[in-house]
Amino acid sequence: MKTIGLIGGMSWESTAEYYRLLNELARDRLGGLHSARCVLHSVDFAEIEQLQVQGRWAEAAEILAGAARSLEAAGADLMLICTNTMHKVADAVEAAVSIPLLHLADATADAVRASGLSRVGLLGTAFTMEQDFYRGRLEAGGLQVFIPDSAQRGLVHQVIYEELCLGVIKDESRAAYRKVIEDLVAAGAEGIILGCTEIELLIGPEDSPVPVFPTARLHAEAAVDAALTQHG
């Protein structure tokens, strides 16, 4: 099995889920006591979050590029950025190393298309929902993307940063997310992309009338598939 490099810590709550998922998937695929070969570089999310808010994306990109270089030096054969939002700087991170970066939006779009759907609602941080770096990648993959209205986007974003990234799970926030999902479905969404890795801590298939696409799990599945591929 190839070694999977993880750029994590954004937040560590979801990075822990990545580690669990990768190891469970490796065990399920290989059996016995097998686990995933991983190298993790975990950054300080407080530093990254401040750069996000201030729009200092180039500086954030250099921090993640440095993390990528450390993973390559540690023997990683492929790399994941364990957060949707920071895929805004994915091109700069990928350019810093010679190992492949598995893009989270590509793994997600592949899963949506494989399910036979094309009209999806997108939940995530305000950056992910409103900017083109992620939505545009999904649309380039053949999907029609719906996002919540302005007030609902603010709510979704606030819950991520003020609750989920801190490991806080509230029933009232789950109910609020369910209402956002219902409105996206009413607008025409056939599925819902949980486009922030922390959302999977709050929302599951039982919370949506249409299929949900949990991006951390889909990313981990793509990574294990790639790590078990002998060529390429």
Foldseek 3Di string as FASTA:
>chain_A
DAEEEEEAPLPVLLVVVLQVLLQVVQCVVPPDNDGHRYDYDHDHNVVVVVCVVVVVLVVVLVVLLVSLVVRVVVRGQEYEYRWLLNLVSVVSSQVSDDHYYDHLLVLQLVVCVVVVDAEEEEFDACSCQPDCSRVVSSVVSRHHYDYFDPVLNVLSNCCVPVALSVVHEDPVSLVSVLVRQVVSVVVPHQEYEDRTSSCVVHDDCVSHPHHYGRSSSSSSVVVSVVRPDPDD
